[in-house]
Each structure stands twice: as C-alpha cells, then as structure tokens.
N, C-alpha and C. Protein backbone atom coordinates (compact mmCIF):
# COMPACT_ATOMS: atom_id res chain seq x y z
N MET A 1 123.70 113.74 136.35
CA MET A 1 124.89 112.93 136.47
C MET A 1 124.63 111.81 137.47
N THR A 2 124.97 110.61 137.13
CA THR A 2 124.75 109.50 138.05
C THR A 2 126.09 108.90 138.45
N SER A 3 126.05 108.11 139.51
CA SER A 3 127.29 107.52 140.02
C SER A 3 127.75 106.34 139.17
N GLN A 4 127.01 106.01 138.12
CA GLN A 4 127.40 104.88 137.28
C GLN A 4 128.53 105.23 136.32
N HIS A 5 128.78 106.51 136.12
CA HIS A 5 129.82 106.90 135.18
C HIS A 5 131.20 106.53 135.71
N LYS A 6 132.01 105.99 134.84
CA LYS A 6 133.33 105.53 135.23
C LYS A 6 134.39 106.61 135.16
N SER A 7 134.14 107.68 134.45
CA SER A 7 135.16 108.72 134.40
C SER A 7 134.51 110.09 134.28
N SER A 8 135.26 111.08 134.67
CA SER A 8 134.82 112.46 134.57
C SER A 8 135.99 113.26 134.05
N ASP A 9 135.69 114.41 133.50
CA ASP A 9 136.80 115.28 133.22
C ASP A 9 136.39 116.67 133.59
N GLY A 10 137.26 117.36 134.24
CA GLY A 10 136.90 118.65 134.79
C GLY A 10 137.72 119.76 134.20
N THR A 11 137.11 120.90 134.03
CA THR A 11 137.80 122.11 133.66
C THR A 11 137.59 123.06 134.81
N MET A 12 138.65 123.62 135.33
CA MET A 12 138.54 124.41 136.53
C MET A 12 139.26 125.73 136.37
N ARG A 13 138.70 126.77 136.94
CA ARG A 13 139.29 128.10 136.86
C ARG A 13 139.01 128.85 138.14
N ALA A 14 139.98 129.56 138.65
CA ALA A 14 139.80 130.32 139.89
C ALA A 14 139.95 131.80 139.62
N THR A 15 139.13 132.60 140.27
CA THR A 15 139.29 134.05 140.28
C THR A 15 139.21 134.49 141.72
N ILE A 16 139.39 135.77 141.97
CA ILE A 16 139.37 136.26 143.34
C ILE A 16 138.02 135.96 143.97
N ARG A 17 138.02 135.27 145.08
CA ARG A 17 136.85 134.93 145.88
C ARG A 17 135.89 133.97 145.21
N GLY A 18 136.05 133.69 143.96
CA GLY A 18 135.13 132.77 143.31
C GLY A 18 135.87 131.78 142.46
N VAL A 19 135.39 130.56 142.42
CA VAL A 19 135.96 129.55 141.54
C VAL A 19 134.84 128.89 140.77
N GLY A 20 135.16 128.43 139.59
CA GLY A 20 134.20 127.75 138.76
C GLY A 20 134.64 126.34 138.48
N LEU A 21 133.68 125.44 138.40
CA LEU A 21 133.97 124.03 138.21
C LEU A 21 133.02 123.48 137.16
N LEU A 22 133.55 122.76 136.21
CA LEU A 22 132.74 122.10 135.19
C LEU A 22 133.19 120.66 135.09
N LEU A 23 132.28 119.74 135.42
CA LEU A 23 132.56 118.32 135.26
C LEU A 23 131.81 117.83 134.04
N LYS A 24 132.49 117.05 133.21
CA LYS A 24 131.86 116.45 132.03
C LYS A 24 132.06 114.95 132.09
N THR A 25 131.01 114.21 131.80
CA THR A 25 131.11 112.75 131.76
C THR A 25 131.46 112.34 130.33
N PRO A 26 131.89 111.10 130.16
CA PRO A 26 132.22 110.62 128.81
C PRO A 26 131.02 110.66 127.85
N ILE A 27 129.80 110.65 128.38
CA ILE A 27 128.63 110.68 127.49
C ILE A 27 128.08 112.10 127.32
N GLY A 28 128.83 113.09 127.81
CA GLY A 28 128.48 114.48 127.55
C GLY A 28 127.65 115.19 128.61
N GLU A 29 127.29 114.51 129.69
CA GLU A 29 126.57 115.20 130.76
C GLU A 29 127.50 116.19 131.41
N ARG A 30 126.92 117.32 131.86
CA ARG A 30 127.72 118.40 132.44
C ARG A 30 127.18 118.78 133.81
N LEU A 31 128.07 119.05 134.71
CA LEU A 31 127.71 119.55 136.03
C LEU A 31 128.53 120.81 136.26
N GLU A 32 127.84 121.94 136.40
CA GLU A 32 128.51 123.23 136.60
C GLU A 32 128.34 123.65 138.04
N GLN A 33 129.38 124.25 138.60
CA GLN A 33 129.32 124.71 139.99
C GLN A 33 130.11 125.99 140.15
N SER A 34 129.51 126.95 140.83
CA SER A 34 130.20 128.17 141.25
C SER A 34 130.42 128.06 142.75
N ILE A 35 131.62 128.37 143.18
CA ILE A 35 131.95 128.28 144.61
C ILE A 35 132.54 129.61 145.05
N ARG A 36 131.97 130.19 146.08
CA ARG A 36 132.53 131.42 146.65
C ARG A 36 133.39 131.04 147.84
N LEU A 37 134.64 131.46 147.82
CA LEU A 37 135.55 131.20 148.92
C LEU A 37 135.39 132.32 149.94
N ASP A 38 134.90 132.00 151.10
CA ASP A 38 134.66 133.00 152.14
C ASP A 38 135.86 133.10 153.09
N PHE A 39 137.04 133.03 152.54
CA PHE A 39 138.27 133.16 153.31
C PHE A 39 139.33 133.70 152.36
N PRO A 40 140.36 134.34 152.91
CA PRO A 40 141.43 134.86 152.04
C PRO A 40 142.17 133.71 151.36
N ALA A 41 142.39 133.83 150.07
CA ALA A 41 143.12 132.80 149.32
C ALA A 41 143.85 133.46 148.17
N SER A 42 145.08 133.03 147.96
CA SER A 42 145.83 133.50 146.78
C SER A 42 145.22 132.85 145.55
N ASN A 43 145.62 133.31 144.37
CA ASN A 43 145.12 132.71 143.14
C ASN A 43 145.46 131.22 143.08
N ASN A 44 146.68 130.86 143.46
CA ASN A 44 147.08 129.45 143.41
C ASN A 44 146.33 128.62 144.45
N GLU A 45 146.07 129.18 145.62
CA GLU A 45 145.29 128.46 146.63
C GLU A 45 143.87 128.23 146.12
N ALA A 46 143.31 129.24 145.45
CA ALA A 46 141.97 129.09 144.87
C ALA A 46 141.97 128.00 143.79
N GLU A 47 143.05 127.92 143.02
CA GLU A 47 143.16 126.85 142.01
C GLU A 47 143.14 125.48 142.68
N TYR A 48 143.88 125.34 143.77
CA TYR A 48 143.86 124.07 144.51
C TYR A 48 142.47 123.78 145.08
N GLU A 49 141.81 124.80 145.61
CA GLU A 49 140.47 124.60 146.17
C GLU A 49 139.51 124.05 145.13
N VAL A 50 139.54 124.60 143.93
CA VAL A 50 138.61 124.13 142.90
C VAL A 50 138.98 122.72 142.44
N ILE A 51 140.25 122.40 142.39
CA ILE A 51 140.65 121.02 142.04
C ILE A 51 140.16 120.06 143.11
N LEU A 52 140.34 120.43 144.38
CA LEU A 52 139.87 119.56 145.47
C LEU A 52 138.36 119.41 145.45
N SER A 53 137.64 120.49 145.14
CA SER A 53 136.17 120.39 145.04
C SER A 53 135.77 119.45 143.92
N GLY A 54 136.43 119.57 142.78
CA GLY A 54 136.14 118.69 141.65
C GLY A 54 136.47 117.24 141.95
N LEU A 55 137.60 117.00 142.61
CA LEU A 55 137.97 115.63 142.97
C LEU A 55 137.00 115.05 143.99
N GLY A 56 136.57 115.88 144.92
CA GLY A 56 135.59 115.42 145.92
C GLY A 56 134.28 115.03 145.25
N LEU A 57 133.84 115.83 144.31
CA LEU A 57 132.61 115.52 143.59
C LEU A 57 132.77 114.27 142.74
N ALA A 58 133.89 114.15 142.06
CA ALA A 58 134.14 112.97 141.22
C ALA A 58 134.18 111.70 142.08
N THR A 59 134.79 111.78 143.25
CA THR A 59 134.84 110.63 144.16
C THR A 59 133.44 110.27 144.64
N THR A 60 132.64 111.29 144.98
CA THR A 60 131.27 111.06 145.42
C THR A 60 130.46 110.36 144.34
N LEU A 61 130.75 110.68 143.09
CA LEU A 61 130.04 110.07 141.97
C LEU A 61 130.66 108.75 141.52
N ASN A 62 131.58 108.23 142.33
CA ASN A 62 132.24 106.95 142.08
C ASN A 62 133.03 106.92 140.78
N ALA A 63 133.61 108.04 140.40
CA ALA A 63 134.45 108.06 139.21
C ALA A 63 135.74 107.32 139.50
N SER A 64 136.19 106.53 138.55
CA SER A 64 137.47 105.83 138.73
C SER A 64 138.57 106.47 137.88
N LYS A 65 138.17 107.26 136.87
CA LYS A 65 139.12 107.96 136.01
C LYS A 65 138.74 109.43 135.98
N VAL A 66 139.75 110.29 136.12
CA VAL A 66 139.50 111.73 136.10
C VAL A 66 140.57 112.39 135.26
N LYS A 67 140.12 113.31 134.42
CA LYS A 67 141.03 114.14 133.63
C LYS A 67 140.78 115.57 134.05
N ILE A 68 141.80 116.23 134.55
CA ILE A 68 141.68 117.59 135.07
C ILE A 68 142.35 118.55 134.10
N HIS A 69 141.62 119.62 133.76
CA HIS A 69 142.19 120.71 132.98
C HIS A 69 142.28 121.91 133.90
N ASN A 70 143.43 122.55 133.93
CA ASN A 70 143.61 123.72 134.78
C ASN A 70 144.56 124.67 134.08
N ASP A 71 144.36 125.99 134.27
CA ASP A 71 145.21 126.95 133.57
C ASP A 71 146.34 127.52 134.43
N SER A 72 146.58 126.95 135.60
CA SER A 72 147.69 127.41 136.44
C SER A 72 148.92 126.54 136.19
N GLN A 73 149.92 127.12 135.59
CA GLN A 73 151.15 126.36 135.31
C GLN A 73 151.80 125.88 136.60
N LEU A 74 151.80 126.73 137.63
CA LEU A 74 152.42 126.35 138.90
C LEU A 74 151.71 125.18 139.55
N VAL A 75 150.39 125.25 139.67
CA VAL A 75 149.63 124.19 140.33
C VAL A 75 149.73 122.88 139.56
N VAL A 76 149.56 122.94 138.24
CA VAL A 76 149.69 121.73 137.43
C VAL A 76 151.10 121.16 137.56
N GLY A 77 152.11 122.04 137.51
CA GLY A 77 153.50 121.60 137.65
C GLY A 77 153.79 120.96 139.00
N GLN A 78 153.19 121.50 140.07
CA GLN A 78 153.39 120.90 141.40
C GLN A 78 152.73 119.52 141.49
N ILE A 79 151.55 119.38 140.94
CA ILE A 79 150.85 118.09 140.98
C ILE A 79 151.61 117.05 140.16
N LEU A 80 152.21 117.49 139.04
CA LEU A 80 152.99 116.58 138.20
C LEU A 80 154.43 116.39 138.69
N LYS A 81 154.76 117.02 139.80
CA LYS A 81 156.09 116.95 140.44
C LYS A 81 157.18 117.59 139.58
N GLU A 82 156.78 118.54 138.73
CA GLU A 82 157.75 119.30 137.96
C GLU A 82 158.28 120.47 138.79
N TYR A 83 157.46 120.95 139.71
CA TYR A 83 157.84 122.04 140.62
C TYR A 83 157.62 121.58 142.05
N LYS A 84 158.40 122.16 142.95
CA LYS A 84 158.22 121.86 144.37
C LYS A 84 157.29 122.90 144.99
N ALA A 85 156.54 122.48 145.96
CA ALA A 85 155.69 123.40 146.73
C ALA A 85 156.52 123.88 147.91
N LYS A 86 157.06 125.07 147.79
CA LYS A 86 157.97 125.60 148.82
C LYS A 86 157.22 126.23 149.98
N ASP A 87 156.09 126.85 149.70
CA ASP A 87 155.27 127.50 150.72
C ASP A 87 154.52 126.44 151.53
N GLU A 88 154.40 126.63 152.83
CA GLU A 88 153.75 125.64 153.71
C GLU A 88 152.30 125.38 153.31
N ARG A 89 151.56 126.44 153.01
CA ARG A 89 150.15 126.26 152.63
C ARG A 89 150.03 125.51 151.30
N MET A 90 150.89 125.86 150.36
CA MET A 90 150.85 125.18 149.06
C MET A 90 151.21 123.70 149.24
N ALA A 91 152.14 123.41 150.12
CA ALA A 91 152.52 122.02 150.39
C ALA A 91 151.34 121.25 150.98
N LYS A 92 150.57 121.90 151.85
CA LYS A 92 149.39 121.25 152.43
C LYS A 92 148.35 120.98 151.34
N TYR A 93 148.14 121.95 150.46
CA TYR A 93 147.19 121.75 149.37
C TYR A 93 147.65 120.61 148.46
N LEU A 94 148.93 120.60 148.12
CA LEU A 94 149.46 119.56 147.25
C LEU A 94 149.27 118.18 147.88
N LEU A 95 149.54 118.06 149.16
CA LEU A 95 149.36 116.78 149.87
C LEU A 95 147.90 116.35 149.83
N LYS A 96 146.99 117.29 150.04
CA LYS A 96 145.55 116.99 150.02
C LYS A 96 145.12 116.50 148.62
N VAL A 97 145.64 117.15 147.58
CA VAL A 97 145.32 116.73 146.21
C VAL A 97 145.88 115.33 145.95
N GLN A 98 147.12 115.08 146.37
CA GLN A 98 147.73 113.77 146.17
C GLN A 98 146.92 112.68 146.88
N GLU A 99 146.44 112.98 148.09
CA GLU A 99 145.60 112.01 148.82
C GLU A 99 144.31 111.73 148.05
N SER A 100 143.70 112.77 147.51
CA SER A 100 142.46 112.60 146.74
C SER A 100 142.71 111.81 145.46
N LEU A 101 143.80 112.11 144.78
CA LEU A 101 144.12 111.41 143.54
C LEU A 101 144.42 109.93 143.78
N SER A 102 144.98 109.62 144.95
CA SER A 102 145.31 108.21 145.26
C SER A 102 144.06 107.36 145.41
N GLN A 103 142.91 107.98 145.61
CA GLN A 103 141.66 107.23 145.74
C GLN A 103 141.06 106.86 144.38
N LEU A 104 141.65 107.39 143.32
CA LEU A 104 141.14 107.13 141.97
C LEU A 104 141.97 106.05 141.30
N GLY A 105 141.36 105.34 140.38
CA GLY A 105 142.08 104.31 139.64
C GLY A 105 143.05 104.92 138.64
N GLU A 106 142.63 105.98 137.99
CA GLU A 106 143.44 106.59 136.94
C GLU A 106 143.13 108.08 136.89
N TRP A 107 144.17 108.90 136.70
CA TRP A 107 143.95 110.34 136.60
C TRP A 107 145.00 110.96 135.69
N LEU A 108 144.63 112.12 135.16
CA LEU A 108 145.50 112.88 134.28
C LEU A 108 145.21 114.35 134.54
N ILE A 109 146.27 115.17 134.58
CA ILE A 109 146.08 116.60 134.70
C ILE A 109 146.82 117.28 133.56
N GLU A 110 146.16 118.23 132.92
CA GLU A 110 146.76 118.95 131.79
C GLU A 110 146.60 120.44 132.01
N LYS A 111 147.65 121.18 131.65
CA LYS A 111 147.56 122.63 131.67
C LYS A 111 146.92 123.07 130.37
N ILE A 112 145.92 123.95 130.50
CA ILE A 112 145.28 124.50 129.31
C ILE A 112 145.44 126.02 129.36
N SER A 113 145.19 126.66 128.23
CA SER A 113 145.30 128.11 128.18
C SER A 113 144.06 128.74 128.79
N ARG A 114 144.18 129.98 129.21
CA ARG A 114 143.02 130.68 129.76
C ARG A 114 141.91 130.82 128.74
N GLY A 115 142.28 130.91 127.49
CA GLY A 115 141.28 131.00 126.43
C GLY A 115 140.41 129.76 126.32
N GLU A 116 140.95 128.62 126.73
CA GLU A 116 140.18 127.37 126.72
C GLU A 116 139.30 127.23 127.96
N ASN A 117 139.40 128.19 128.85
CA ASN A 117 138.71 128.11 130.14
C ASN A 117 137.61 129.17 130.27
N VAL A 118 137.09 129.66 129.16
CA VAL A 118 136.15 130.78 129.17
C VAL A 118 134.89 130.46 129.97
N GLN A 119 134.30 129.28 129.76
CA GLN A 119 133.05 128.95 130.45
C GLN A 119 133.25 128.85 131.95
N VAL A 120 134.34 128.25 132.36
CA VAL A 120 134.60 128.11 133.79
C VAL A 120 134.95 129.47 134.39
N ASP A 121 135.62 130.32 133.62
CA ASP A 121 135.86 131.70 134.05
C ASP A 121 134.55 132.40 134.35
N ALA A 122 133.56 132.20 133.49
CA ALA A 122 132.25 132.82 133.69
C ALA A 122 131.59 132.31 134.96
N LEU A 123 131.71 131.01 135.25
CA LEU A 123 131.16 130.45 136.49
C LEU A 123 131.81 131.09 137.71
N ALA A 124 133.12 131.25 137.64
CA ALA A 124 133.84 131.88 138.76
C ALA A 124 133.44 133.34 138.89
N GLY A 125 133.24 134.00 137.75
CA GLY A 125 132.87 135.40 137.76
C GLY A 125 131.51 135.65 138.39
N ILE A 126 130.57 134.72 138.22
CA ILE A 126 129.25 134.86 138.83
C ILE A 126 129.39 135.01 140.33
N THR A 127 130.16 134.15 140.93
CA THR A 127 130.32 134.18 142.37
C THR A 127 131.14 135.37 142.84
N ALA A 128 132.15 135.73 142.08
CA ALA A 128 133.02 136.84 142.48
C ALA A 128 132.34 138.18 142.30
N SER A 129 131.40 138.28 141.36
CA SER A 129 130.80 139.57 141.01
C SER A 129 129.53 139.92 141.76
N PHE A 130 128.77 138.92 142.17
CA PHE A 130 127.46 139.18 142.77
C PHE A 130 127.38 138.62 144.17
N PRO A 131 126.58 139.26 145.03
CA PRO A 131 126.29 138.62 146.32
C PRO A 131 125.59 137.29 146.05
N VAL A 132 125.80 136.33 146.92
CA VAL A 132 125.26 134.99 146.70
C VAL A 132 123.75 135.03 146.53
N LYS A 133 123.04 135.88 147.27
CA LYS A 133 121.58 135.89 147.18
C LYS A 133 121.09 136.33 145.80
N GLU A 134 121.92 137.03 145.03
CA GLU A 134 121.52 137.47 143.70
C GLU A 134 121.93 136.48 142.62
N SER A 135 122.72 135.49 142.95
CA SER A 135 123.18 134.52 141.96
C SER A 135 122.15 133.41 141.83
N THR A 136 121.14 133.65 141.04
CA THR A 136 120.06 132.68 140.91
C THR A 136 120.20 131.81 139.67
N MET A 137 121.21 132.06 138.85
CA MET A 137 121.37 131.28 137.62
C MET A 137 121.74 129.83 137.91
N LEU A 138 122.46 129.61 138.97
CA LEU A 138 122.85 128.27 139.35
C LEU A 138 123.16 128.25 140.84
N PRO A 139 123.11 127.09 141.45
CA PRO A 139 123.41 127.03 142.88
C PRO A 139 124.85 127.46 143.13
N VAL A 140 125.05 128.23 144.17
CA VAL A 140 126.38 128.68 144.56
C VAL A 140 126.68 128.11 145.93
N TYR A 141 127.76 127.40 146.03
CA TYR A 141 128.21 126.83 147.30
C TYR A 141 129.13 127.84 147.97
N VAL A 142 128.91 128.11 149.26
CA VAL A 142 129.78 129.01 150.01
C VAL A 142 130.67 128.17 150.90
N GLN A 143 131.96 128.27 150.68
CA GLN A 143 132.94 127.49 151.43
C GLN A 143 133.56 128.41 152.47
N ALA A 144 133.34 128.14 153.75
CA ALA A 144 133.74 129.04 154.83
C ALA A 144 135.21 128.93 155.21
N THR A 145 135.81 127.77 155.02
CA THR A 145 137.20 127.59 155.45
C THR A 145 137.99 126.88 154.35
N PRO A 146 139.31 127.04 154.35
CA PRO A 146 140.13 126.32 153.39
C PRO A 146 140.06 124.81 153.61
N THR A 147 140.18 124.06 152.56
CA THR A 147 140.16 122.60 152.66
C THR A 147 141.29 122.09 153.54
N ILE A 148 142.40 122.82 153.57
CA ILE A 148 143.56 122.36 154.33
C ILE A 148 143.50 122.75 155.80
N ALA A 149 142.46 123.47 156.22
CA ALA A 149 142.34 123.89 157.62
C ALA A 149 142.23 122.66 158.51
N GLU A 150 142.94 122.71 159.62
CA GLU A 150 142.89 121.59 160.55
C GLU A 150 141.63 121.71 161.39
N SER A 151 140.95 120.60 161.58
CA SER A 151 139.76 120.62 162.42
C SER A 151 140.20 120.52 163.88
N HIS A 152 139.48 121.22 164.72
CA HIS A 152 139.80 121.24 166.13
C HIS A 152 138.90 120.25 166.86
N VAL A 153 139.51 119.46 167.72
CA VAL A 153 138.78 118.45 168.46
C VAL A 153 138.81 118.83 169.92
N CYS A 154 137.67 118.74 170.55
CA CYS A 154 137.57 119.06 171.98
C CYS A 154 137.46 117.75 172.73
N ASN A 155 138.40 117.49 173.63
CA ASN A 155 138.36 116.29 174.46
C ASN A 155 137.50 116.56 175.67
N VAL A 156 136.56 115.69 175.92
CA VAL A 156 135.66 115.85 177.05
C VAL A 156 135.88 114.67 177.99
N SER A 157 136.12 114.99 179.25
CA SER A 157 136.30 113.95 180.25
C SER A 157 134.94 113.48 180.74
N PRO A 158 134.81 112.21 181.03
CA PRO A 158 133.53 111.73 181.55
C PRO A 158 133.26 112.34 182.92
N LYS A 159 131.97 112.59 183.21
CA LYS A 159 131.58 113.16 184.51
C LYS A 159 131.66 112.08 185.58
N LYS A 160 131.95 112.52 186.81
CA LYS A 160 131.93 111.58 187.93
C LYS A 160 130.49 111.20 188.26
N TYR A 161 129.59 112.19 188.19
CA TYR A 161 128.19 111.93 188.48
C TYR A 161 127.33 112.47 187.36
N ASP A 162 126.50 111.64 186.80
CA ASP A 162 125.59 112.06 185.73
C ASP A 162 124.16 111.91 186.24
N TRP A 163 123.51 113.03 186.54
CA TRP A 163 122.17 113.02 187.10
C TRP A 163 121.14 112.38 186.17
N ALA A 164 121.41 112.41 184.86
CA ALA A 164 120.46 111.84 183.92
C ALA A 164 120.34 110.33 184.10
N VAL A 165 121.39 109.68 184.57
CA VAL A 165 121.36 108.24 184.80
C VAL A 165 120.34 107.92 185.89
N ASP A 166 120.32 108.73 186.98
CA ASP A 166 119.37 108.52 188.07
C ASP A 166 117.93 108.70 187.59
N ILE A 167 117.71 109.73 186.79
CA ILE A 167 116.35 109.99 186.31
C ILE A 167 115.89 108.88 185.38
N ARG A 168 116.78 108.44 184.49
CA ARG A 168 116.44 107.36 183.57
C ARG A 168 116.11 106.09 184.35
N ALA A 169 116.92 105.78 185.37
CA ALA A 169 116.69 104.58 186.18
C ALA A 169 115.35 104.68 186.91
N TYR A 170 115.03 105.87 187.44
CA TYR A 170 113.77 106.05 188.15
C TYR A 170 112.58 105.88 187.21
N LEU A 171 112.68 106.46 186.02
CA LEU A 171 111.57 106.37 185.07
C LEU A 171 111.38 104.95 184.55
N GLN A 172 112.48 104.22 184.39
CA GLN A 172 112.38 102.87 183.84
C GLN A 172 112.02 101.84 184.90
N THR A 173 112.58 101.97 186.10
CA THR A 173 112.40 100.91 187.10
C THR A 173 111.83 101.40 188.42
N GLY A 174 111.74 102.72 188.62
CA GLY A 174 111.28 103.26 189.89
C GLY A 174 112.38 103.28 190.94
N ALA A 175 113.61 102.96 190.57
CA ALA A 175 114.73 102.91 191.52
C ALA A 175 115.15 104.33 191.89
N LEU A 176 115.35 104.56 193.19
CA LEU A 176 115.81 105.85 193.68
C LEU A 176 117.33 105.89 193.67
N PRO A 177 117.91 107.10 193.64
CA PRO A 177 119.37 107.18 193.65
C PRO A 177 119.96 106.61 194.93
N ALA A 178 121.12 106.00 194.81
CA ALA A 178 121.78 105.41 195.96
C ALA A 178 122.26 106.48 196.93
N ASP A 179 122.68 107.62 196.43
CA ASP A 179 123.20 108.71 197.27
C ASP A 179 122.06 109.69 197.57
N PRO A 180 121.69 109.86 198.86
CA PRO A 180 120.58 110.77 199.18
C PRO A 180 120.87 112.23 198.82
N LYS A 181 122.15 112.60 198.62
CA LYS A 181 122.49 113.97 198.21
C LYS A 181 121.94 114.29 196.83
N HIS A 182 121.69 113.27 196.05
CA HIS A 182 121.21 113.49 194.70
C HIS A 182 119.69 113.59 194.61
N ALA A 183 118.99 113.42 195.72
CA ALA A 183 117.53 113.58 195.76
C ALA A 183 117.24 115.03 196.12
N HIS A 184 116.89 115.84 195.14
CA HIS A 184 116.68 117.28 195.34
C HIS A 184 115.23 117.57 195.67
N GLN A 185 115.00 118.72 196.29
CA GLN A 185 113.65 119.18 196.61
C GLN A 185 113.04 119.88 195.41
N ASN A 186 111.73 119.76 195.26
CA ASN A 186 111.01 120.50 194.23
C ASN A 186 110.81 121.91 194.77
N PRO A 187 111.33 122.97 194.14
CA PRO A 187 111.28 124.32 194.69
C PRO A 187 109.87 124.89 194.77
N ASP A 188 108.92 124.41 193.95
CA ASP A 188 107.57 124.98 193.97
C ASP A 188 106.74 124.49 195.15
N THR A 189 106.90 123.26 195.55
CA THR A 189 106.01 122.69 196.55
C THR A 189 106.74 122.28 197.83
N SER A 190 108.03 122.34 197.83
CA SER A 190 108.85 121.87 198.96
C SER A 190 108.56 120.42 199.31
N ILE A 191 108.10 119.67 198.34
CA ILE A 191 107.89 118.24 198.54
C ILE A 191 109.09 117.53 197.93
N PRO A 192 109.69 116.62 198.68
CA PRO A 192 110.86 115.92 198.11
C PRO A 192 110.47 115.17 196.84
N LEU A 193 111.34 115.28 195.83
CA LEU A 193 111.12 114.51 194.61
C LEU A 193 111.32 113.03 194.87
N TYR A 194 112.21 112.71 195.80
CA TYR A 194 112.45 111.34 196.20
C TYR A 194 112.18 111.26 197.70
N PRO A 195 111.26 110.45 198.14
CA PRO A 195 110.98 110.38 199.59
C PRO A 195 112.18 109.85 200.36
N ASN A 196 112.30 110.30 201.62
CA ASN A 196 113.39 109.80 202.48
C ASN A 196 113.21 108.31 202.72
N ARG A 197 114.30 107.67 202.74
CA ARG A 197 114.29 106.24 203.07
C ARG A 197 114.61 106.12 204.54
N GLY A 198 113.79 105.58 205.22
CA GLY A 198 114.24 105.52 206.51
C GLY A 198 113.69 105.00 207.62
C-alpha cells in the first residue's frame, strides 16, 4: 500500500482483547492488521479502538476518502449522531473519532452484518486466541493503553546551577567556574580539578 492512494475502505471487527482491521484501496490492495488490546475494554470500546487504528493508518497513508464498515449498531449510530454517547468513556472515544474524521476530505460509515465481517473476525480471533509470540501469520500490534487515555506531562523547573555548563565551558575555552565552591577535588589523587586562583 502506498501513500498515493486517495481513498481506503476499512472493515473492522472487535472481539475480547483482540481487534481485526482490514484496509482495502480502490485498486484492490489489502492491508490486514491484528491488534491485541492490553487493557480492559468493553466490546464497544474495542470497536472504537479499531476504528481509530484504521483512521490513523488511513491518515498516515494520506487517504482523503475513507469508507468504514463496522458491525456495531451502537458505535455506528453514535458516529452518525443517531445515538448519544451517554457514558463518559464512550463520549471520549466518539470525540476522538470525530477529530480523526475531520482530518479527511470525505468519509462514510456503514453498519454491516457480522456475517459480512468474517475475515476481520478471524484477524481479531488470532490475537484473542494466541499469545503474541505464537501469532506468526501476520504482525500483531500490542496496544498498551486506550487511545483516549490522557498523557501525563511532568513539568521540570530549570536548575539554579547546572554543573555541566562549567564543564562544557572548561572543555571548550579552558575557563574555570566563577564560583570556587563549584571546583571539586578529585577523590583519587586529592589534586584539585581546578587550581586555586589566587
């Protein structure tokens, strides 16, 4: 599959702990993916995860048109605004899907029957049935956290004194630190690393 394709269409199916994804291009190329969800997820959350994975892949491949097939009436209905997402997690998933869809030029989502989703069911079953190390038929992606999980940011305050600046200055120009407290002794030889100025 190359990024030159203008549209993709995906068939997606979720099972417990595993989801299957099938992307098809207008010229018939196929990309199959099994994804193991390494976190607790309801069936509907798994359906959203596979849709988000498919949309992410389609966006990466520069698709401008996407047609999504999914067998979850609830998820398809929420995306089409026929149903409301009352649960907080489902609302987060819906928002994430809407954000992804807004990056595309054109999209369509259709509910299909489970019988039309046999191949994608099999992809999901591979991941759900076997440990990842035994799934050698195709690459299996292990997703450790839900797509809607908030990332945590650690704020770091700048240091008042950064000893690396003194060392860098000494190595580049031979300049000694301005503060004699920062000139430490070498513990092996008791010879000052920076001679006293004086």
